[in-house]
Amino acid sequence: MVSGPGSTKNAALAMANILVTSYYSRWDLHNHTGRIALYDSNNQLIENHTYTDPSEFQVVIGMLRHENHVWYETEARYLRTGNEPAGD
């Protein structure tokens, strides 16, 4: 296996958009923190994130619950939806 900063494999991993197919969430009532774990179609962990801001936690849960396709961009570490018609 080829590895290193210039390898094709590392470049592909660095720019991956992974479809989130399932998630686990919890809100700790005592410590007022949340955790959301994102999983791909092979049930492999994509990201496991802790939230201290309830509003941010709610926004992410809302995306996961209400959008048909949510993608995780591994390099920038953000969630996005697919291209959707206006009004959806």
C-alpha atoms as a PDB file:
ATOM      1  CA  MET A   1       0.000   0.000   0.000  1.00  0.00           C
ATOM      2  CA  VAL A   2       1.252   3.453  -0.909  1.00  0.00           C
ATOM      3  CA  SER A   3       0.992   6.102   1.759  1.00  0.00           C
ATOM      4  CA  GLY A   4       2.237   9.586   2.353  1.00  0.00           C
ATOM      5  CA  PRO A   5       1.095  13.120   1.674  1.00  0.00           C
ATOM      6  CA  GLY A   6       1.274  12.761  -2.114  1.00  0.00           C
ATOM      7  CA  SER A   7      -0.385   9.381  -2.510  1.00  0.00           C
ATOM      8  CA  THR A   8      -3.567   8.966  -4.522  1.00  0.00           C
ATOM      9  CA  LYS A   9      -5.234   7.032  -1.702  1.00  0.00           C
ATOM     10  CA  ASN A  10      -4.657   9.863   0.803  1.00  0.00           C
ATOM     11  CA  ALA A  11      -5.887  12.444  -1.708  1.00  0.00           C
ATOM     12  CA  ALA A  12      -9.088  10.466  -2.288  1.00  0.00           C
ATOM     13  CA  LEU A  13      -9.695  10.081   1.439  1.00  0.00           C
ATOM     14  CA  ALA A  14      -8.991  13.755   2.069  1.00  0.00           C
ATOM     15  CA  MET A  15     -11.754  14.859  -0.299  1.00  0.00           C
ATOM     16  CA  ALA A  16     -14.418  12.223   0.370  1.00  0.00           C
ATOM     17  CA  ASN A  17     -18.106  12.979   0.587  1.00  0.00           C
ATOM     18  CA  ILE A  18     -19.655  10.106   2.514  1.00  0.00           C
ATOM     19  CA  LEU A  19     -23.390   9.472   2.597  1.00  0.00           C
ATOM     20  CA  VAL A  20     -24.628   9.335   6.187  1.00  0.00           C
ATOM     21  CA  THR A  21     -27.036   6.386   6.394  1.00  0.00           C
ATOM     22  CA  SER A  22     -27.553   6.204  10.160  1.00  0.00           C
ATOM     23  CA  TYR A  23     -26.727   8.039  13.348  1.00  0.00           C
ATOM     24  CA  TYR A  24     -26.724   7.705  17.127  1.00  0.00           C
ATOM     25  CA  SER A  25     -27.489  10.679  19.344  1.00  0.00           C
ATOM     26  CA  ARG A  26     -27.732  11.399  23.035  1.00  0.00           C
ATOM     27  CA  TRP A  27     -28.143  14.426  25.273  1.00  0.00           C
ATOM     28  CA  ASP A  28     -26.679  14.267  28.781  1.00  0.00           C
ATOM     29  CA  LEU A  29     -29.282  15.870  31.050  1.00  0.00           C
ATOM     30  CA  HIS A  30     -26.817  16.263  33.912  1.00  0.00           C
ATOM     31  CA  ASN A  31     -23.838  17.769  32.054  1.00  0.00           C
ATOM     32  CA  HIS A  32     -25.870  19.482  29.291  1.00  0.00           C
ATOM     33  CA  THR A  33     -23.793  18.051  26.463  1.00  0.00           C
ATOM     34  CA  GLY A  34     -24.759  16.072  23.397  1.00  0.00           C
ATOM     35  CA  ARG A  35     -23.088  13.495  21.223  1.00  0.00           C
ATOM     36  CA  ILE A  36     -23.874  12.504  17.650  1.00  0.00           C
ATOM     37  CA  ALA A  37     -22.156   9.614  15.890  1.00  0.00           C
ATOM     38  CA  LEU A  38     -22.538   9.341  12.103  1.00  0.00           C
ATOM     39  CA  TYR A  39     -22.338   6.029  10.218  1.00  0.00           C
ATOM     40  CA  ASP A  40     -21.982   5.051   6.566  1.00  0.00           C
ATOM     41  CA  SER A  41     -23.770   2.285   4.632  1.00  0.00           C
ATOM     42  CA  ASN A  42     -21.330  -0.317   6.006  1.00  0.00           C
ATOM     43  CA  ASN A  43     -22.135   0.791   9.566  1.00  0.00           C
ATOM     44  CA  GLN A  44     -18.628   2.238   9.858  1.00  0.00           C
ATOM     45  CA  LEU A  45     -18.199   5.282  12.085  1.00  0.00           C
ATOM     46  CA  ILE A  46     -17.677   8.448  10.044  1.00  0.00           C
ATOM     47  CA  GLU A  47     -17.616  11.059  12.811  1.00  0.00           C
ATOM     48  CA  ASN A  48     -18.334  11.133  16.536  1.00  0.00           C
ATOM     49  CA  HIS A  49     -18.879  14.670  17.765  1.00  0.00           C
ATOM     50  CA  THR A  50     -19.657  16.246  21.144  1.00  0.00           C
ATOM     51  CA  TYR A  51     -21.856  19.343  21.352  1.00  0.00           C
ATOM     52  CA  THR A  52     -21.982  21.865  24.185  1.00  0.00           C
ATOM     53  CA  ASP A  53     -24.406  24.222  22.437  1.00  0.00           C
ATOM     54  CA  PRO A  54     -27.994  22.886  22.473  1.00  0.00           C
ATOM     55  CA  SER A  55     -28.887  24.963  19.404  1.00  0.00           C
ATOM     56  CA  GLU A  56     -26.100  23.445  17.328  1.00  0.00           C
ATOM     57  CA  PHE A  57     -27.096  19.966  18.490  1.00  0.00           C
ATOM     58  CA  GLN A  58     -30.698  20.635  17.400  1.00  0.00           C
ATOM     59  CA  VAL A  59     -29.625  21.914  13.965  1.00  0.00           C
ATOM     60  CA  VAL A  60     -27.582  18.775  13.246  1.00  0.00           C
ATOM     61  CA  ILE A  61     -30.325  16.443  14.507  1.00  0.00           C
ATOM     62  CA  GLY A  62     -32.822  18.366  12.369  1.00  0.00           C
ATOM     63  CA  MET A  63     -30.737  17.827   9.238  1.00  0.00           C
ATOM     64  CA  LEU A  64     -30.361  14.137   9.973  1.00  0.00           C
ATOM     65  CA  ARG A  65     -34.079  13.667  10.691  1.00  0.00           C
ATOM     66  CA  HIS A  66     -35.621  15.758   7.921  1.00  0.00           C
ATOM     67  CA  GLU A  67     -33.307  15.618   4.917  1.00  0.00           C
ATOM     68  CA  ASN A  68     -33.372  12.647   2.532  1.00  0.00           C
ATOM     69  CA  HIS A  69     -29.644  12.623   1.844  1.00  0.00           C
ATOM     70  CA  VAL A  70     -27.031  14.051   4.191  1.00  0.00           C
ATOM     71  CA  TRP A  71     -23.365  13.873   3.253  1.00  0.00           C
ATOM     72  CA  TYR A  72     -20.282  14.299   5.449  1.00  0.00           C
ATOM     73  CA  GLU A  73     -17.330  16.037   3.796  1.00  0.00           C
ATOM     74  CA  THR A  74     -14.202  14.572   5.372  1.00  0.00           C
ATOM     75  CA  GLU A  75     -11.696  17.325   4.556  1.00  0.00           C
ATOM     76  CA  ALA A  76     -13.727  20.342   5.643  1.00  0.00           C
ATOM     77  CA  ARG A  77     -15.606  18.272   8.272  1.00  0.00           C
ATOM     78  CA  TYR A  78     -19.080  19.555   7.518  1.00  0.00           C
ATOM     79  CA  LEU A  79     -22.522  18.112   6.796  1.00  0.00           C
ATOM     80  CA  ARG A  80     -24.379  18.980   3.627  1.00  0.00           C
ATOM     81  CA  THR A  81     -27.519  17.961   1.823  1.00  0.00           C
ATOM     82  CA  GLY A  82     -27.714  16.909  -1.796  1.00  0.00           C
ATOM     83  CA  ASN A  83     -29.007  19.186  -4.526  1.00  0.00           C
ATOM     84  CA  GLU A  84     -32.717  19.596  -3.889  1.00  0.00           C
ATOM     85  CA  PRO A  85     -35.457  21.559  -5.610  1.00  0.00           C
ATOM     86  CA  ALA A  86     -36.438  24.824  -3.966  1.00  0.00           C
ATOM     87  CA  GLY A  87     -39.358  24.387  -1.592  1.00  0.00           C
ATOM     88  CA  ASP A  88     -38.361  20.922  -0.414  1.00  0.00           C
END
